[in-house]
Amino acid sequence: MNNALRLSRSVLQSADSSLKSSMVICHGLLGSKNNWKSISNALSLKNCGTIVAVDLRNHGSSPHSDDMNYFNMAEDIHMVVDDLSLRSVCLVGHSMGGKAVMCAALMKPERYDKLVVFDISTTPKPTIQSLTPIIDLMSSVDLKALGHKNNGNIGMVRNSLMKEWDKTIPNPTMRAFLLTNLGEKDGEIFWKVNLKAIKSCWNQITDFPAELSGRVFNQPVMFVAASNGEYLGQSDLPSVRKYFPQAKIVQIANTGHWVHFDAPNTVTKLITSFMLDKSFDPTSFADVKEIK
């Protein structure tokens, strides 16, 4: 049964309207389409066709649901492609969004031309569990009380939590990223992300669906790893190629898990080259190396 949700999306079109290629970009856990705004804009200027960045279910401005596995997310992605009548589609996903686009491509391989996956593999990693206390921390905040205390001013609530969390989450960039999930309506402050659903579906989110075993997407796939190798590295290549025989893993120097934040220019050039250049060579980039 198809329980697809109609995802919130931003759509950009390259100046050359004759271009038939398209791209759907999916963010990671606790992220949103806004994380990819500057890169989406840059890609639209590179003649990559139609660039669609989505809020995955239970994130951003998209609908909430108690169901949150990768098959649900894949159906949501298929619906976006159908809604916009996209052709020659390249799917791009980071972390959780990377697993979602892998699932979408493996479920309906005939619908997609290429795949770009940022810093996640088909093998579950213990590193993801480090997010559990962060989700618990966000869930523990009494936003109703905090909102009333700050007269419904979302900026003041955000500043208050930036200070309150400085010991628990020392990295200010990470704190600011998490607090992009705050929303406000009629003076009420709320989390745009559905923390309850994420917690109840945690095992499904952190795993890779066993039901996909035996499925193959035999088209070009680029996996982009952070230089710290915590989520994706050389040891993942055999598992990745069971599902994606044409996969290449490349690594961008001096990057952490949020690769697109740390190296936006390289990420934009890599995606553009992979999508448009038939003789794609990742080694032509000074800060990129291929993992073999």
C-alpha atoms as a PDB file:
ATOM      1  CA  MET A   1       0.000   0.000   0.000  1.00  0.00           C
ATOM      2  CA  ASN A   2       1.302   3.435  -0.975  1.00  0.00           C
ATOM      3  CA  ASN A   3       1.243   5.841   1.978  1.00  0.00           C
ATOM      4  CA  ALA A   4       3.284   8.541   0.251  1.00  0.00           C
ATOM      5  CA  LEU A   5       3.227  12.073   1.623  1.00  0.00           C
ATOM      6  CA  ARG A   6       3.368  15.177  -0.555  1.00  0.00           C
ATOM      7  CA  LEU A   7       6.720  16.663   0.432  1.00  0.00           C
ATOM      8  CA  SER A   8       7.472  20.364   0.689  1.00  0.00           C
ATOM      9  CA  ARG A   9       9.942  21.236  -2.040  1.00  0.00           C
ATOM     10  CA  SER A  10      11.799  24.125  -3.623  1.00  0.00           C
ATOM     11  CA  VAL A  11      12.189  24.003  -7.401  1.00  0.00           C
ATOM     12  CA  LEU A  12      14.834  25.840  -9.409  1.00  0.00           C
ATOM     13  CA  GLN A  13      15.174  25.774 -13.176  1.00  0.00           C
ATOM     14  CA  SER A  14      18.350  26.381 -15.151  1.00  0.00           C
ATOM     15  CA  ALA A  15      18.151  29.312 -17.568  1.00  0.00           C
ATOM     16  CA  ASP A  16      18.195  26.914 -20.525  1.00  0.00           C
ATOM     17  CA  SER A  17      14.623  25.587 -20.366  1.00  0.00           C
ATOM     18  CA  SER A  18      15.383  22.989 -23.050  1.00  0.00           C
ATOM     19  CA  LEU A  19      17.434  20.958 -20.551  1.00  0.00           C
ATOM     20  CA  LYS A  20      15.631  17.717 -19.674  1.00  0.00           C
ATOM     21  CA  SER A  21      17.877  16.590 -16.820  1.00  0.00           C
ATOM     22  CA  SER A  22      16.722  16.933 -13.221  1.00  0.00           C
ATOM     23  CA  MET A  23      17.913  16.384  -9.680  1.00  0.00           C
ATOM     24  CA  VAL A  24      16.135  15.650  -6.382  1.00  0.00           C
ATOM     25  CA  ILE A  25      18.126  16.530  -3.242  1.00  0.00           C
ATOM     26  CA  CYS A  26      17.341  14.940   0.146  1.00  0.00           C
ATOM     27  CA  HIS A  27      18.798  16.266   3.418  1.00  0.00           C
ATOM     28  CA  GLY A  28      19.932  14.296   6.463  1.00  0.00           C
ATOM     29  CA  LEU A  29      18.374  13.644   9.875  1.00  0.00           C
ATOM     30  CA  LEU A  30      17.224  16.831  11.654  1.00  0.00           C
ATOM     31  CA  GLY A  31      17.973  18.824   8.494  1.00  0.00           C
ATOM     32  CA  SER A  32      15.813  20.481   5.855  1.00  0.00           C
ATOM     33  CA  LYS A  33      15.839  21.572   2.226  1.00  0.00           C
ATOM     34  CA  ASN A  34      17.250  24.913   3.367  1.00  0.00           C
ATOM     35  CA  ASN A  35      20.560  23.159   4.181  1.00  0.00           C
ATOM     36  CA  TRP A  36      21.018  22.767   0.412  1.00  0.00           C
ATOM     37  CA  LYS A  37      19.740  26.194  -0.661  1.00  0.00           C
ATOM     38  CA  SER A  38      23.069  27.720  -1.722  1.00  0.00           C
ATOM     39  CA  ILE A  39      24.236  24.527  -3.458  1.00  0.00           C
ATOM     40  CA  SER A  40      20.850  24.181  -5.230  1.00  0.00           C
ATOM     41  CA  ASN A  41      21.195  27.750  -6.490  1.00  0.00           C
ATOM     42  CA  ALA A  42      24.737  27.068  -7.686  1.00  0.00           C
ATOM     43  CA  LEU A  43      23.680  23.854  -9.470  1.00  0.00           C
ATOM     44  CA  SER A  44      20.854  25.660 -11.275  1.00  0.00           C
ATOM     45  CA  LEU A  45      23.466  28.069 -12.669  1.00  0.00           C
ATOM     46  CA  LYS A  46      25.564  25.124 -13.904  1.00  0.00           C
ATOM     47  CA  ASN A  47      22.945  23.969 -16.430  1.00  0.00           C
ATOM     48  CA  CYS A  48      21.933  20.930 -14.364  1.00  0.00           C
ATOM     49  CA  GLY A  49      18.279  21.342 -15.405  1.00  0.00           C
ATOM     50  CA  THR A  50      15.522  21.213 -12.788  1.00  0.00           C
ATOM     51  CA  ILE A  51      16.855  21.215  -9.215  1.00  0.00           C
ATOM     52  CA  VAL A  52      14.405  20.064  -6.543  1.00  0.00           C
ATOM     53  CA  ALA A  53      15.311  20.155  -2.840  1.00  0.00           C
ATOM     54  CA  VAL A  54      12.776  18.503  -0.525  1.00  0.00           C
ATOM     55  CA  ASP A  55      11.928  18.364   3.152  1.00  0.00           C
ATOM     56  CA  LEU A  56      11.699  14.662   3.963  1.00  0.00           C
ATOM     57  CA  ARG A  57       8.700  13.445   5.974  1.00  0.00           C
ATOM     58  CA  ASN A  58       8.655  14.614   9.608  1.00  0.00           C
ATOM     59  CA  HIS A  59      11.121  17.392   8.739  1.00  0.00           C
ATOM     60  CA  GLY A  60      10.916  21.056   7.760  1.00  0.00           C
ATOM     61  CA  SER A  61       7.585  22.049   6.220  1.00  0.00           C
ATOM     62  CA  SER A  62       6.616  18.518   5.137  1.00  0.00           C
ATOM     63  CA  PRO A  63       3.740  16.562   6.710  1.00  0.00           C
ATOM     64  CA  HIS A  64       4.208  14.489   9.848  1.00  0.00           C
ATOM     65  CA  SER A  65       3.523  10.762  10.085  1.00  0.00           C
ATOM     66  CA  ASP A  66       4.008   8.009  12.659  1.00  0.00           C
ATOM     67  CA  ASP A  67       5.553   5.899   9.879  1.00  0.00           C
ATOM     68  CA  MET A  68       9.155   6.634   9.029  1.00  0.00           C
ATOM     69  CA  ASN A  69      11.074   3.875   7.309  1.00  0.00           C
ATOM     70  CA  TYR A  70      13.078   4.061   4.100  1.00  0.00           C
ATOM     71  CA  PHE A  71      10.315   2.529   2.006  1.00  0.00           C
ATOM     72  CA  ASN A  72       7.988   5.340   3.145  1.00  0.00           C
ATOM     73  CA  MET A  73      10.638   7.902   2.228  1.00  0.00           C
ATOM     74  CA  ALA A  74      11.256   6.249  -1.151  1.00  0.00           C
ATOM     75  CA  GLU A  75       7.539   6.447  -2.000  1.00  0.00           C
ATOM     76  CA  ASP A  76       7.570  10.134  -1.046  1.00  0.00           C
ATOM     77  CA  ILE A  77      10.482  10.691  -3.452  1.00  0.00           C
ATOM     78  CA  HIS A  78       8.702   8.814  -6.262  1.00  0.00           C
ATOM     79  CA  MET A  79       5.683  11.099  -5.723  1.00  0.00           C
ATOM     80  CA  VAL A  80       7.844  14.215  -6.115  1.00  0.00           C
ATOM     81  CA  VAL A  81       9.185  12.837  -9.408  1.00  0.00           C
ATOM     82  CA  ASP A  82       5.624  12.083 -10.570  1.00  0.00           C
ATOM     83  CA  ASP A  83       4.209  15.439  -9.419  1.00  0.00           C
ATOM     84  CA  LEU A  84       6.819  17.386 -11.369  1.00  0.00           C
ATOM     85  CA  SER A  85       7.038  14.955 -14.329  1.00  0.00           C
ATOM     86  CA  LEU A  86      10.807  14.847 -13.906  1.00  0.00           C
ATOM     87  CA  ARG A  87      12.980  13.059 -16.454  1.00  0.00           C
ATOM     88  CA  SER A  88      16.631  11.961 -16.513  1.00  0.00           C
ATOM     89  CA  VAL A  89      16.639  12.104 -12.714  1.00  0.00           C
ATOM     90  CA  CYS A  90      19.758  12.132 -10.550  1.00  0.00           C
ATOM     91  CA  LEU A  91      18.991  11.538  -6.862  1.00  0.00           C
ATOM     92  CA  VAL A  92      21.226  13.232  -4.277  1.00  0.00           C
ATOM     93  CA  GLY A  93      21.076  12.448  -0.563  1.00  0.00           C
ATOM     94  CA  HIS A  94      23.063  13.141   2.601  1.00  0.00           C
ATOM     95  CA  SER A  95      23.169  10.664   5.508  1.00  0.00           C
ATOM     96  CA  MET A  96      19.540   9.632   6.206  1.00  0.00           C
ATOM     97  CA  GLY A  97      18.616  11.247   2.887  1.00  0.00           C
ATOM     98  CA  GLY A  98      21.361   9.150   1.287  1.00  0.00           C
ATOM     99  CA  LYS A  99      19.713   5.969   2.532  1.00  0.00           C
ATOM    100  CA  ALA A 100      16.353   7.249   1.297  1.00  0.00           C
ATOM    101  CA  VAL A 101      17.635   7.852  -2.250  1.00  0.00           C
ATOM    102  CA  MET A 102      19.432   4.485  -2.262  1.00  0.00           C
ATOM    103  CA  CYS A 103      16.151   2.799  -1.335  1.00  0.00           C
ATOM    104  CA  ALA A 104      14.240   4.767  -3.989  1.00  0.00           C
ATOM    105  CA  ALA A 105      16.737   3.776  -6.698  1.00  0.00           C
ATOM    106  CA  LEU A 106      16.783   0.121  -5.645  1.00  0.00           C
ATOM    107  CA  MET A 107      12.981  -0.084  -5.512  1.00  0.00           C
ATOM    108  CA  LYS A 108      12.434   1.517  -8.939  1.00  0.00           C
ATOM    109  CA  PRO A 109      15.781   1.471 -10.786  1.00  0.00           C
ATOM    110  CA  GLU A 110      14.182   2.161 -14.159  1.00  0.00           C
ATOM    111  CA  ARG A 111      13.120   5.637 -13.008  1.00  0.00           C
ATOM    112  CA  TYR A 112      16.532   7.041 -12.115  1.00  0.00           C
ATOM    113  CA  ASP A 113      19.700   7.724 -14.105  1.00  0.00           C
ATOM    114  CA  LYS A 114      22.295   8.451 -11.426  1.00  0.00           C
ATOM    115  CA  LEU A 115      22.792   8.609  -7.688  1.00  0.00           C
ATOM    116  CA  VAL A 116      24.980  10.756  -5.408  1.00  0.00           C
ATOM    117  CA  VAL A 117      25.213   9.695  -1.754  1.00  0.00           C
ATOM    118  CA  PHE A 118      26.953  11.808   0.885  1.00  0.00           C
ATOM    119  CA  ASP A 119      28.739  10.184   3.814  1.00  0.00           C
ATOM    120  CA  ILE A 120      26.593   7.133   4.463  1.00  0.00           C
ATOM    121  CA  SER A 121      26.824   3.514   3.343  1.00  0.00           C
ATOM    122  CA  THR A 122      24.698   0.397   3.193  1.00  0.00           C
ATOM    123  CA  THR A 123      26.372  -0.805   6.401  1.00  0.00           C
ATOM    124  CA  PRO A 124      24.947   0.584   9.687  1.00  0.00           C
ATOM    125  CA  LYS A 125      27.557   2.395  11.797  1.00  0.00           C
ATOM    126  CA  PRO A 126      27.606   2.845  15.603  1.00  0.00           C
ATOM    127  CA  THR A 127      28.484   6.531  15.139  1.00  0.00           C
ATOM    128  CA  ILE A 128      24.830   7.343  14.435  1.00  0.00           C
ATOM    129  CA  GLN A 129      23.976   6.509  18.054  1.00  0.00           C
ATOM    130  CA  SER A 130      25.746   9.721  19.103  1.00  0.00           C
ATOM    131  CA  LEU A 131      22.618  11.561  17.946  1.00  0.00           C
ATOM    132  CA  THR A 132      20.381   9.800  20.497  1.00  0.00           C
ATOM    133  CA  PRO A 133      21.201  12.155  23.402  1.00  0.00           C
ATOM    134  CA  ILE A 134      20.708  15.157  21.098  1.00  0.00           C
ATOM    135  CA  ILE A 135      17.204  14.003  20.173  1.00  0.00           C
ATOM    136  CA  ASP A 136      16.487  13.383  23.870  1.00  0.00           C
ATOM    137  CA  LEU A 137      17.754  16.883  24.682  1.00  0.00           C
ATOM    138  CA  MET A 138      15.508  18.484  22.065  1.00  0.00           C
ATOM    139  CA  SER A 139      12.540  16.440  23.302  1.00  0.00           C
ATOM    140  CA  SER A 140      13.119  17.557  26.891  1.00  0.00           C
ATOM    141  CA  VAL A 141      12.701  21.273  26.127  1.00  0.00           C
ATOM    142  CA  ASP A 142       9.401  22.777  27.297  1.00  0.00           C
ATOM    143  CA  LEU A 143       8.921  25.006  24.271  1.00  0.00           C
ATOM    144  CA  LYS A 144       5.501  26.201  25.402  1.00  0.00           C
ATOM    145  CA  ALA A 145       6.920  27.587  28.654  1.00  0.00           C
ATOM    146  CA  LEU A 146      10.043  28.920  26.950  1.00  0.00           C
ATOM    147  CA  GLY A 147       7.929  30.598  24.285  1.00  0.00           C
ATOM    148  CA  HIS A 148       5.720  32.320  26.842  1.00  0.00           C
ATOM    149  CA  LYS A 149       8.783  33.424  28.809  1.00  0.00           C
ATOM    150  CA  ASN A 150      10.149  35.066  25.660  1.00  0.00           C
ATOM    151  CA  ASN A 151       6.807  36.516  24.459  1.00  0.00           C
ATOM    152  CA  GLY A 152       6.640  34.128  21.509  1.00  0.00           C
ATOM    153  CA  ASN A 153       9.812  35.582  20.012  1.00  0.00           C
ATOM    154  CA  ILE A 154      11.525  32.742  18.146  1.00  0.00           C
ATOM    155  CA  GLY A 155      14.823  34.633  17.968  1.00  0.00           C
ATOM    156  CA  MET A 156      14.905  35.033  21.739  1.00  0.00           C
ATOM    157  CA  VAL A 157      14.046  31.350  22.254  1.00  0.00           C
ATOM    158  CA  ARG A 158      16.829  30.375  19.857  1.00  0.00           C
ATOM    159  CA  ASN A 159      19.339  32.590  21.688  1.00  0.00           C
ATOM    160  CA  SER A 160      18.244  31.173  25.040  1.00  0.00           C
ATOM    161  CA  LEU A 161      18.825  27.582  23.884  1.00  0.00           C
ATOM    162  CA  MET A 162      22.143  28.496  22.237  1.00  0.00           C
ATOM    163  CA  LYS A 163      23.353  29.568  25.689  1.00  0.00           C
ATOM    164  CA  GLU A 164      21.655  26.769  27.633  1.00  0.00           C
ATOM    165  CA  TRP A 165      23.132  24.035  25.427  1.00  0.00           C
ATOM    166  CA  ASP A 166      26.697  25.346  25.268  1.00  0.00           C
ATOM    167  CA  LYS A 167      28.019  22.688  27.693  1.00  0.00           C
ATOM    168  CA  THR A 168      25.988  19.782  26.289  1.00  0.00           C
ATOM    169  CA  ILE A 169      26.697  20.637  22.635  1.00  0.00           C
ATOM    170  CA  PRO A 170      29.991  22.582  22.632  1.00  0.00           C
ATOM    171  CA  ASN A 171      30.046  23.097  18.853  1.00  0.00           C
ATOM    172  CA  PRO A 172      28.126  26.350  18.143  1.00  0.00           C
ATOM    173  CA  THR A 173      27.616  25.425  14.479  1.00  0.00           C
ATOM    174  CA  MET A 174      25.929  22.173  15.541  1.00  0.00           C
ATOM    175  CA  ARG A 175      23.726  24.051  18.033  1.00  0.00           C
ATOM    176  CA  ALA A 176      22.714  26.566  15.381  1.00  0.00           C
ATOM    177  CA  PHE A 177      21.970  23.731  12.921  1.00  0.00           C
ATOM    178  CA  LEU A 178      19.695  21.948  15.416  1.00  0.00           C
ATOM    179  CA  LEU A 179      17.874  25.181  16.236  1.00  0.00           C
ATOM    180  CA  THR A 180      16.928  25.718  12.592  1.00  0.00           C
ATOM    181  CA  ASN A 181      14.225  23.181  13.511  1.00  0.00           C
ATOM    182  CA  LEU A 182      12.400  25.757  15.646  1.00  0.00           C
ATOM    183  CA  GLY A 183       9.150  27.089  14.225  1.00  0.00           C
ATOM    184  CA  GLU A 184       6.643  29.738  15.294  1.00  0.00           C
ATOM    185  CA  LYS A 185       2.945  30.211  14.604  1.00  0.00           C
ATOM    186  CA  ASP A 186       0.652  32.698  16.340  1.00  0.00           C
ATOM    187  CA  GLY A 187       3.202  33.211  19.093  1.00  0.00           C
ATOM    188  CA  GLU A 188       3.562  29.476  19.799  1.00  0.00           C
ATOM    189  CA  ILE A 189       7.042  27.971  19.441  1.00  0.00           C
ATOM    190  CA  PHE A 190       7.362  24.358  18.249  1.00  0.00           C
ATOM    191  CA  TRP A 191       9.759  21.849  16.724  1.00  0.00           C
ATOM    192  CA  LYS A 192       9.180  21.509  12.979  1.00  0.00           C
ATOM    193  CA  VAL A 193      10.805  18.079  13.151  1.00  0.00           C
ATOM    194  CA  ASN A 194       8.659  15.205  14.486  1.00  0.00           C
ATOM    195  CA  LEU A 195      10.874  14.045  17.355  1.00  0.00           C
ATOM    196  CA  LYS A 196       8.317  11.527  18.625  1.00  0.00           C
ATOM    197  CA  ALA A 197       8.226   9.673  15.298  1.00  0.00           C
ATOM    198  CA  ILE A 198      12.018   9.770  14.966  1.00  0.00           C
ATOM    199  CA  LYS A 199      12.426   8.234  18.426  1.00  0.00           C
ATOM    200  CA  SER A 200       9.832   5.507  17.824  1.00  0.00           C
ATOM    201  CA  CYS A 201      11.299   4.642  14.388  1.00  0.00           C
ATOM    202  CA  TRP A 202      14.931   4.973  15.491  1.00  0.00           C
ATOM    203  CA  ASN A 203      15.976   1.388  14.698  1.00  0.00           C
ATOM    204  CA  GLN A 204      14.566   1.653  11.174  1.00  0.00           C
ATOM    205  CA  ILE A 205      16.312   4.984  10.585  1.00  0.00           C
ATOM    206  CA  THR A 206      19.720   3.790  11.796  1.00  0.00           C
ATOM    207  CA  ASP A 207      19.566   0.485   9.888  1.00  0.00           C
ATOM    208  CA  PHE A 208      19.587  -0.274   6.162  1.00  0.00           C
ATOM    209  CA  PRO A 209      16.555  -2.314   5.003  1.00  0.00           C
ATOM    210  CA  ALA A 210      17.329  -6.039   4.837  1.00  0.00           C
ATOM    211  CA  GLU A 211      14.452  -6.361   2.349  1.00  0.00           C
ATOM    212  CA  LEU A 212      16.622  -4.646  -0.269  1.00  0.00           C
ATOM    213  CA  SER A 213      19.082  -7.543  -0.294  1.00  0.00           C
ATOM    214  CA  GLY A 214      19.457  -8.883  -3.838  1.00  0.00           C
ATOM    215  CA  ARG A 215      18.247  -5.685  -5.503  1.00  0.00           C
ATOM    216  CA  VAL A 216      20.645  -3.862  -7.822  1.00  0.00           C
ATOM    217  CA  PHE A 217      20.861  -0.359  -9.301  1.00  0.00           C
ATOM    218  CA  ASN A 218      23.229  -0.778 -12.237  1.00  0.00           C
ATOM    219  CA  GLN A 219      23.731   2.885 -13.128  1.00  0.00           C
ATOM    220  CA  PRO A 220      26.504   5.366 -12.216  1.00  0.00           C
ATOM    221  CA  VAL A 221      26.661   6.072  -8.473  1.00  0.00           C
ATOM    222  CA  MET A 222      29.036   8.383  -6.611  1.00  0.00           C
ATOM    223  CA  PHE A 223      29.488   8.012  -2.861  1.00  0.00           C
ATOM    224  CA  VAL A 224      31.141  11.057  -1.288  1.00  0.00           C
ATOM    225  CA  ALA A 225      32.923  10.407   2.010  1.00  0.00           C
ATOM    226  CA  ALA A 226      34.069  12.815   4.696  1.00  0.00           C
ATOM    227  CA  SER A 227      37.782  12.702   5.426  1.00  0.00           C
ATOM    228  CA  ASN A 228      37.212  11.365   8.968  1.00  0.00           C
ATOM    229  CA  GLY A 229      35.776   8.101   7.596  1.00  0.00           C
ATOM    230  CA  GLU A 230      33.332   7.527  10.465  1.00  0.00           C
ATOM    231  CA  TYR A 231      30.301   6.855   8.262  1.00  0.00           C
ATOM    232  CA  LEU A 232      31.824   5.820   4.917  1.00  0.00           C
ATOM    233  CA  GLY A 233      35.202   4.428   3.947  1.00  0.00           C
ATOM    234  CA  GLN A 234      37.155   1.777   2.071  1.00  0.00           C
ATOM    235  CA  SER A 235      35.720  -1.078   4.160  1.00  0.00           C
ATOM    236  CA  ASP A 236      32.239  -0.219   2.840  1.00  0.00           C
ATOM    237  CA  LEU A 237      33.116  -0.723  -0.829  1.00  0.00           C
ATOM    238  CA  PRO A 238      32.236  -4.474  -1.042  1.00  0.00           C
ATOM    239  CA  SER A 239      28.823  -3.944   0.581  1.00  0.00           C
ATOM    240  CA  VAL A 240      28.083  -0.871  -1.523  1.00  0.00           C
ATOM    241  CA  ARG A 241      28.929  -2.659  -4.782  1.00  0.00           C
ATOM    242  CA  LYS A 242      26.529  -5.527  -4.024  1.00  0.00           C
ATOM    243  CA  TYR A 243      23.724  -3.029  -4.560  1.00  0.00           C
ATOM    244  CA  PHE A 244      25.494  -0.535  -6.819  1.00  0.00           C
ATOM    245  CA  PRO A 245      28.003  -2.339  -9.096  1.00  0.00           C
ATOM    246  CA  GLN A 246      29.110   0.917 -10.794  1.00  0.00           C
ATOM    247  CA  ALA A 247      29.688   2.771  -7.527  1.00  0.00           C
ATOM    248  CA  LYS A 248      32.733   4.937  -6.906  1.00  0.00           C
ATOM    249  CA  ILE A 249      33.669   6.228  -3.457  1.00  0.00           C
ATOM    250  CA  VAL A 250      35.451   9.565  -3.377  1.00  0.00           C
ATOM    251  CA  GLN A 251      36.687  11.444  -0.323  1.00  0.00           C
ATOM    252  CA  ILE A 252      36.903  15.224   0.130  1.00  0.00           C
ATOM    253  CA  ALA A 253      39.803  16.471   2.243  1.00  0.00           C
ATOM    254  CA  ASN A 254      39.237  18.359   5.497  1.00  0.00           C
ATOM    255  CA  THR A 255      35.553  17.523   5.854  1.00  0.00           C
ATOM    256  CA  GLY A 256      33.351  16.122   8.597  1.00  0.00           C
ATOM    257  CA  HIS A 257      29.985  14.371   8.290  1.00  0.00           C
ATOM    258  CA  TRP A 258      28.249  17.528   7.001  1.00  0.00           C
ATOM    259  CA  VAL A 259      30.407  17.493   3.875  1.00  0.00           C
ATOM    260  CA  HIS A 260      28.238  20.005   2.013  1.00  0.00           C
ATOM    261  CA  PHE A 261      28.721  22.572   4.795  1.00  0.00           C
ATOM    262  CA  ASP A 262      32.486  22.059   4.970  1.00  0.00           C
ATOM    263  CA  ALA A 263      33.216  22.050   1.214  1.00  0.00           C
ATOM    264  CA  PRO A 264      30.250  23.576  -0.675  1.00  0.00           C
ATOM    265  CA  ASN A 265      32.268  24.635  -3.725  1.00  0.00           C
ATOM    266  CA  THR A 266      33.869  21.218  -4.191  1.00  0.00           C
ATOM    267  CA  VAL A 267      30.508  19.508  -3.631  1.00  0.00           C
ATOM    268  CA  THR A 268      28.869  21.700  -6.285  1.00  0.00           C
ATOM    269  CA  LYS A 269      31.649  21.021  -8.801  1.00  0.00           C
ATOM    270  CA  LEU A 270      31.646  17.270  -8.061  1.00  0.00           C
ATOM    271  CA  ILE A 271      27.890  16.928  -8.540  1.00  0.00           C
ATOM    272  CA  THR A 272      27.961  19.021 -11.722  1.00  0.00           C
ATOM    273  CA  SER A 273      30.839  17.052 -13.212  1.00  0.00           C
ATOM    274  CA  PHE A 274      29.300  13.697 -12.253  1.00  0.00           C
ATOM    275  CA  MET A 275      25.934  14.665 -13.695  1.00  0.00           C
ATOM    276  CA  LEU A 276      27.060  16.306 -16.942  1.00  0.00           C
ATOM    277  CA  ASP A 277      30.517  14.945 -17.808  1.00  0.00           C
ATOM    278  CA  LYS A 278      30.523  11.528 -19.473  1.00  0.00           C
ATOM    279  CA  SER A 279      34.254  11.157 -18.789  1.00  0.00           C
ATOM    280  CA  PHE A 280      33.874  12.007 -15.090  1.00  0.00           C
ATOM    281  CA  ASP A 281      37.236  11.859 -13.317  1.00  0.00           C
ATOM    282  CA  PRO A 282      37.149  12.592  -9.554  1.00  0.00           C
ATOM    283  CA  THR A 283      40.952  12.714  -9.395  1.00  0.00           C
ATOM    284  CA  SER A 284      40.908  15.959 -11.400  1.00  0.00           C
ATOM    285  CA  PHE A 285      39.911  17.775  -8.183  1.00  0.00           C
ATOM    286  CA  ALA A 286      42.815  18.861  -5.966  1.00  0.00           C
ATOM    287  CA  ASP A 287      41.006  18.089  -2.688  1.00  0.00           C
ATOM    288  CA  VAL A 288      39.325  14.857  -3.818  1.00  0.00           C
ATOM    289  CA  LYS A 289      40.687  11.320  -3.950  1.00  0.00           C
ATOM    290  CA  GLU A 290      39.051   8.088  -5.027  1.00  0.00           C
ATOM    291  CA  ILE A 291      38.904   5.253  -2.496  1.00  0.00           C
ATOM    292  CA  LYS A 292      39.608   1.885  -4.092  1.00  0.00           C
END
